[in-house]
């Protein structure tokens, strides 16, 4: 395989792993938060804020994988 094929493969793998990992992690985080709220509704505000921060951090890793893929795509065209 030449280097452009490897860059294309790397970009595809970065997007795939980033999207799958991000959605999996977000699903688990939200499920755990909802379970905690269901067990103790009074703790909603104590659970919701850290969950939102955690979701933002997870999403930032997904965006980073997309940026890596876009940079790899730019190298293919150059």
N, C-alpha and C. Protein backbone atom coordinates (compact mmCIF):
# COMPACT_ATOMS: atom_id res chain seq x y z
N UNK A 1 0.85 -1.19 0.00
CA UNK A 1 0.00 0.00 0.00
C UNK A 1 0.89 1.24 0.00
N UNK A 2 0.45 2.23 -0.74
CA UNK A 2 1.21 3.47 -0.74
C UNK A 2 0.79 4.36 0.43
N UNK A 3 1.48 5.46 0.61
CA UNK A 3 1.25 6.30 1.79
C UNK A 3 -0.12 6.97 1.75
N UNK A 4 -0.62 7.31 0.56
CA UNK A 4 -1.94 7.94 0.49
C UNK A 4 -3.05 6.97 0.90
N UNK A 5 -2.89 5.72 0.54
CA UNK A 5 -3.88 4.72 0.95
C UNK A 5 -3.87 4.54 2.46
N UNK A 6 -2.70 4.56 3.04
CA UNK A 6 -2.60 4.42 4.49
C UNK A 6 -3.19 5.63 5.21
N UNK A 7 -2.99 6.83 4.64
CA UNK A 7 -3.59 8.02 5.23
C UNK A 7 -5.11 7.96 5.16
N UNK A 8 -5.64 7.50 4.04
CA UNK A 8 -7.09 7.36 3.90
C UNK A 8 -7.64 6.34 4.89
N UNK A 9 -6.94 5.24 5.04
CA UNK A 9 -7.36 4.22 5.99
C UNK A 9 -7.30 4.75 7.42
N UNK A 10 -6.26 5.49 7.73
CA UNK A 10 -6.14 6.09 9.07
C UNK A 10 -7.25 7.08 9.36
N UNK A 11 -7.63 7.87 8.35
CA UNK A 11 -8.72 8.82 8.52
C UNK A 11 -10.04 8.09 8.76
N UNK A 12 -10.28 7.04 8.00
CA UNK A 12 -11.52 6.28 8.16
C UNK A 12 -11.59 5.61 9.54
N UNK A 13 -10.48 5.07 9.98
CA UNK A 13 -10.45 4.41 11.29
C UNK A 13 -10.63 5.44 12.41
N UNK A 14 -10.04 6.63 12.26
CA UNK A 14 -10.19 7.68 13.28
C UNK A 14 -11.65 8.10 13.42
N UNK A 15 -12.34 8.26 12.30
CA UNK A 15 -13.75 8.65 12.36
C UNK A 15 -14.59 7.52 12.96
N UNK A 16 -14.32 6.29 12.54
CA UNK A 16 -15.11 5.16 13.03
C UNK A 16 -14.95 4.96 14.53
N UNK A 17 -13.73 4.94 15.00
CA UNK A 17 -13.49 4.73 16.42
C UNK A 17 -14.00 5.91 17.24
N UNK A 18 -13.80 7.12 16.74
CA UNK A 18 -14.28 8.30 17.46
C UNK A 18 -15.78 8.32 17.59
N UNK A 19 -16.48 8.02 16.51
CA UNK A 19 -17.94 8.04 16.54
C UNK A 19 -18.48 6.91 17.42
N UNK A 20 -17.95 5.72 17.26
CA UNK A 20 -18.44 4.59 18.05
C UNK A 20 -18.11 4.76 19.54
N UNK A 21 -16.90 5.12 19.82
CA UNK A 21 -16.49 5.30 21.22
C UNK A 21 -17.26 6.42 21.91
N UNK A 22 -17.46 7.51 21.18
CA UNK A 22 -18.18 8.64 21.76
C UNK A 22 -19.64 8.31 22.06
N UNK A 23 -20.31 7.68 21.10
CA UNK A 23 -21.71 7.35 21.33
C UNK A 23 -21.86 6.30 22.42
N UNK A 24 -20.95 5.35 22.47
CA UNK A 24 -21.00 4.33 23.51
C UNK A 24 -20.80 4.95 24.89
N UNK A 25 -19.82 5.81 25.00
CA UNK A 25 -19.53 6.43 26.30
C UNK A 25 -20.66 7.36 26.72
N UNK A 26 -21.20 8.12 25.78
CA UNK A 26 -22.30 9.02 26.14
C UNK A 26 -23.53 8.23 26.56
N UNK A 27 -23.81 7.15 25.89
CA UNK A 27 -24.95 6.33 26.27
C UNK A 27 -24.80 5.77 27.67
N UNK A 28 -23.61 5.29 28.00
CA UNK A 28 -23.38 4.75 29.35
C UNK A 28 -23.47 5.85 30.41
N UNK A 29 -22.94 7.03 30.10
CA UNK A 29 -22.97 8.12 31.06
C UNK A 29 -24.39 8.58 31.34
N UNK A 30 -25.17 8.74 30.29
CA UNK A 30 -26.56 9.18 30.47
C UNK A 30 -27.38 8.10 31.18
N UNK A 31 -27.17 6.85 30.83
CA UNK A 31 -27.91 5.77 31.50
C UNK A 31 -27.60 5.73 32.99
N UNK A 32 -26.34 5.89 33.34
CA UNK A 32 -25.96 5.89 34.76
C UNK A 32 -26.55 7.09 35.48
N UNK A 33 -26.54 8.24 34.82
CA UNK A 33 -27.10 9.43 35.46
C UNK A 33 -28.60 9.29 35.65
N UNK A 34 -29.30 8.78 34.64
CA UNK A 34 -30.74 8.60 34.78
C UNK A 34 -31.09 7.57 35.85
N UNK A 35 -30.27 6.54 35.96
CA UNK A 35 -30.50 5.55 37.01
C UNK A 35 -30.31 6.18 38.38
N UNK A 36 -29.29 7.01 38.52
CA UNK A 36 -29.07 7.69 39.78
C UNK A 36 -30.19 8.65 40.13
N UNK A 37 -30.69 9.36 39.12
CA UNK A 37 -31.81 10.29 39.36
C UNK A 37 -33.08 9.51 39.71
N UNK A 38 -33.27 8.37 39.05
CA UNK A 38 -34.46 7.56 39.34
C UNK A 38 -34.43 7.02 40.76
N UNK A 39 -33.25 6.69 41.25
CA UNK A 39 -33.14 6.17 42.62
C UNK A 39 -33.29 7.27 43.66
N UNK A 40 -32.82 8.46 43.32
CA UNK A 40 -32.87 9.57 44.27
C UNK A 40 -33.19 10.86 43.50
N UNK A 41 -34.46 11.16 43.29
CA UNK A 41 -34.82 12.35 42.52
C UNK A 41 -34.34 13.66 43.13
N UNK A 42 -34.11 13.69 44.42
CA UNK A 42 -33.65 14.92 45.08
C UNK A 42 -32.22 15.27 44.66
N UNK A 43 -31.48 14.30 44.18
CA UNK A 43 -30.08 14.54 43.80
C UNK A 43 -29.93 14.92 42.33
N UNK A 44 -31.03 15.31 41.68
CA UNK A 44 -30.99 15.61 40.25
C UNK A 44 -29.95 16.68 39.92
N UNK A 45 -29.95 17.77 40.66
CA UNK A 45 -29.01 18.86 40.35
C UNK A 45 -27.56 18.45 40.64
N UNK A 46 -27.36 17.58 41.63
CA UNK A 46 -26.02 17.11 41.95
C UNK A 46 -25.49 16.15 40.90
N UNK A 47 -26.38 15.47 40.19
CA UNK A 47 -25.98 14.50 39.18
C UNK A 47 -25.90 15.14 37.80
N UNK A 48 -26.82 16.05 37.51
CA UNK A 48 -26.95 16.59 36.17
C UNK A 48 -25.75 17.43 35.74
N UNK A 49 -25.24 18.28 36.60
CA UNK A 49 -24.13 19.15 36.21
C UNK A 49 -22.86 18.37 35.88
N UNK A 50 -22.41 17.43 36.72
CA UNK A 50 -21.23 16.65 36.32
C UNK A 50 -21.47 15.80 35.07
N UNK A 51 -22.73 15.35 34.87
CA UNK A 51 -23.02 14.58 33.66
C UNK A 51 -22.84 15.44 32.42
N UNK A 52 -23.32 16.67 32.45
CA UNK A 52 -23.19 17.58 31.30
C UNK A 52 -21.71 17.87 31.03
N UNK A 53 -20.93 18.08 32.08
CA UNK A 53 -19.50 18.33 31.91
C UNK A 53 -18.83 17.10 31.32
N UNK A 54 -19.19 15.92 31.81
CA UNK A 54 -18.63 14.68 31.28
C UNK A 54 -18.99 14.48 29.82
N UNK A 55 -20.24 14.77 29.46
CA UNK A 55 -20.65 14.64 28.06
C UNK A 55 -19.88 15.61 27.16
N UNK A 56 -19.63 16.81 27.66
CA UNK A 56 -18.85 17.77 26.87
C UNK A 56 -17.42 17.28 26.66
N UNK A 57 -16.82 16.67 27.68
CA UNK A 57 -15.46 16.15 27.53
C UNK A 57 -15.43 14.96 26.56
N UNK A 58 -16.44 14.11 26.64
CA UNK A 58 -16.51 12.99 25.70
C UNK A 58 -16.65 13.51 24.28
N UNK A 59 -17.51 14.50 24.10
CA UNK A 59 -17.73 15.05 22.76
C UNK A 59 -16.48 15.74 22.23
N UNK A 60 -15.68 16.32 23.12
CA UNK A 60 -14.45 16.96 22.65
C UNK A 60 -13.47 15.92 22.09
N UNK A 61 -13.47 14.72 22.66
CA UNK A 61 -12.61 13.66 22.11
C UNK A 61 -13.10 13.20 20.74
N UNK A 62 -14.43 13.17 20.54
CA UNK A 62 -14.98 12.82 19.24
C UNK A 62 -14.60 13.88 18.21
N UNK A 63 -14.71 15.14 18.59
CA UNK A 63 -14.34 16.23 17.69
C UNK A 63 -12.85 16.16 17.36
N UNK A 64 -12.02 15.80 18.34
CA UNK A 64 -10.59 15.64 18.09
C UNK A 64 -10.33 14.54 17.06
N UNK A 65 -11.06 13.44 17.14
CA UNK A 65 -10.86 12.38 16.15
C UNK A 65 -11.28 12.85 14.76
N UNK A 66 -12.33 13.65 14.67
CA UNK A 66 -12.73 14.19 13.38
C UNK A 66 -11.66 15.15 12.83
N UNK A 67 -11.09 15.97 13.71
CA UNK A 67 -10.02 16.87 13.27
C UNK A 67 -8.81 16.10 12.75
N UNK A 68 -8.45 15.04 13.44
CA UNK A 68 -7.34 14.21 12.98
C UNK A 68 -7.65 13.63 11.61
N UNK A 69 -8.88 13.16 11.44
CA UNK A 69 -9.27 12.60 10.14
C UNK A 69 -9.22 13.67 9.05
N UNK A 70 -9.67 14.88 9.35
CA UNK A 70 -9.64 15.94 8.35
C UNK A 70 -8.21 16.33 8.00
N UNK A 71 -7.32 16.36 9.00
CA UNK A 71 -5.93 16.66 8.71
C UNK A 71 -5.29 15.57 7.84
N UNK A 72 -5.65 14.32 8.11
CA UNK A 72 -5.14 13.23 7.28
C UNK A 72 -5.68 13.33 5.86
N UNK A 73 -6.95 13.72 5.72
CA UNK A 73 -7.53 13.89 4.39
C UNK A 73 -6.82 15.02 3.64
N UNK A 74 -6.45 16.07 4.34
CA UNK A 74 -5.75 17.19 3.70
C UNK A 74 -4.38 16.75 3.20
N UNK A 75 -3.74 15.84 3.93
CA UNK A 75 -2.43 15.34 3.48
C UNK A 75 -2.55 14.49 2.22
N UNK A 76 -3.71 13.83 2.06
CA UNK A 76 -3.91 13.00 0.88
C UNK A 76 -3.98 13.87 -0.37
N UNK A 77 -4.68 15.00 -0.25
CA UNK A 77 -4.84 15.88 -1.40
C UNK A 77 -3.58 16.66 -1.75
N UNK A 78 -2.66 16.76 -0.82
CA UNK A 78 -1.44 17.57 -1.06
C UNK A 78 -0.41 16.83 -1.88
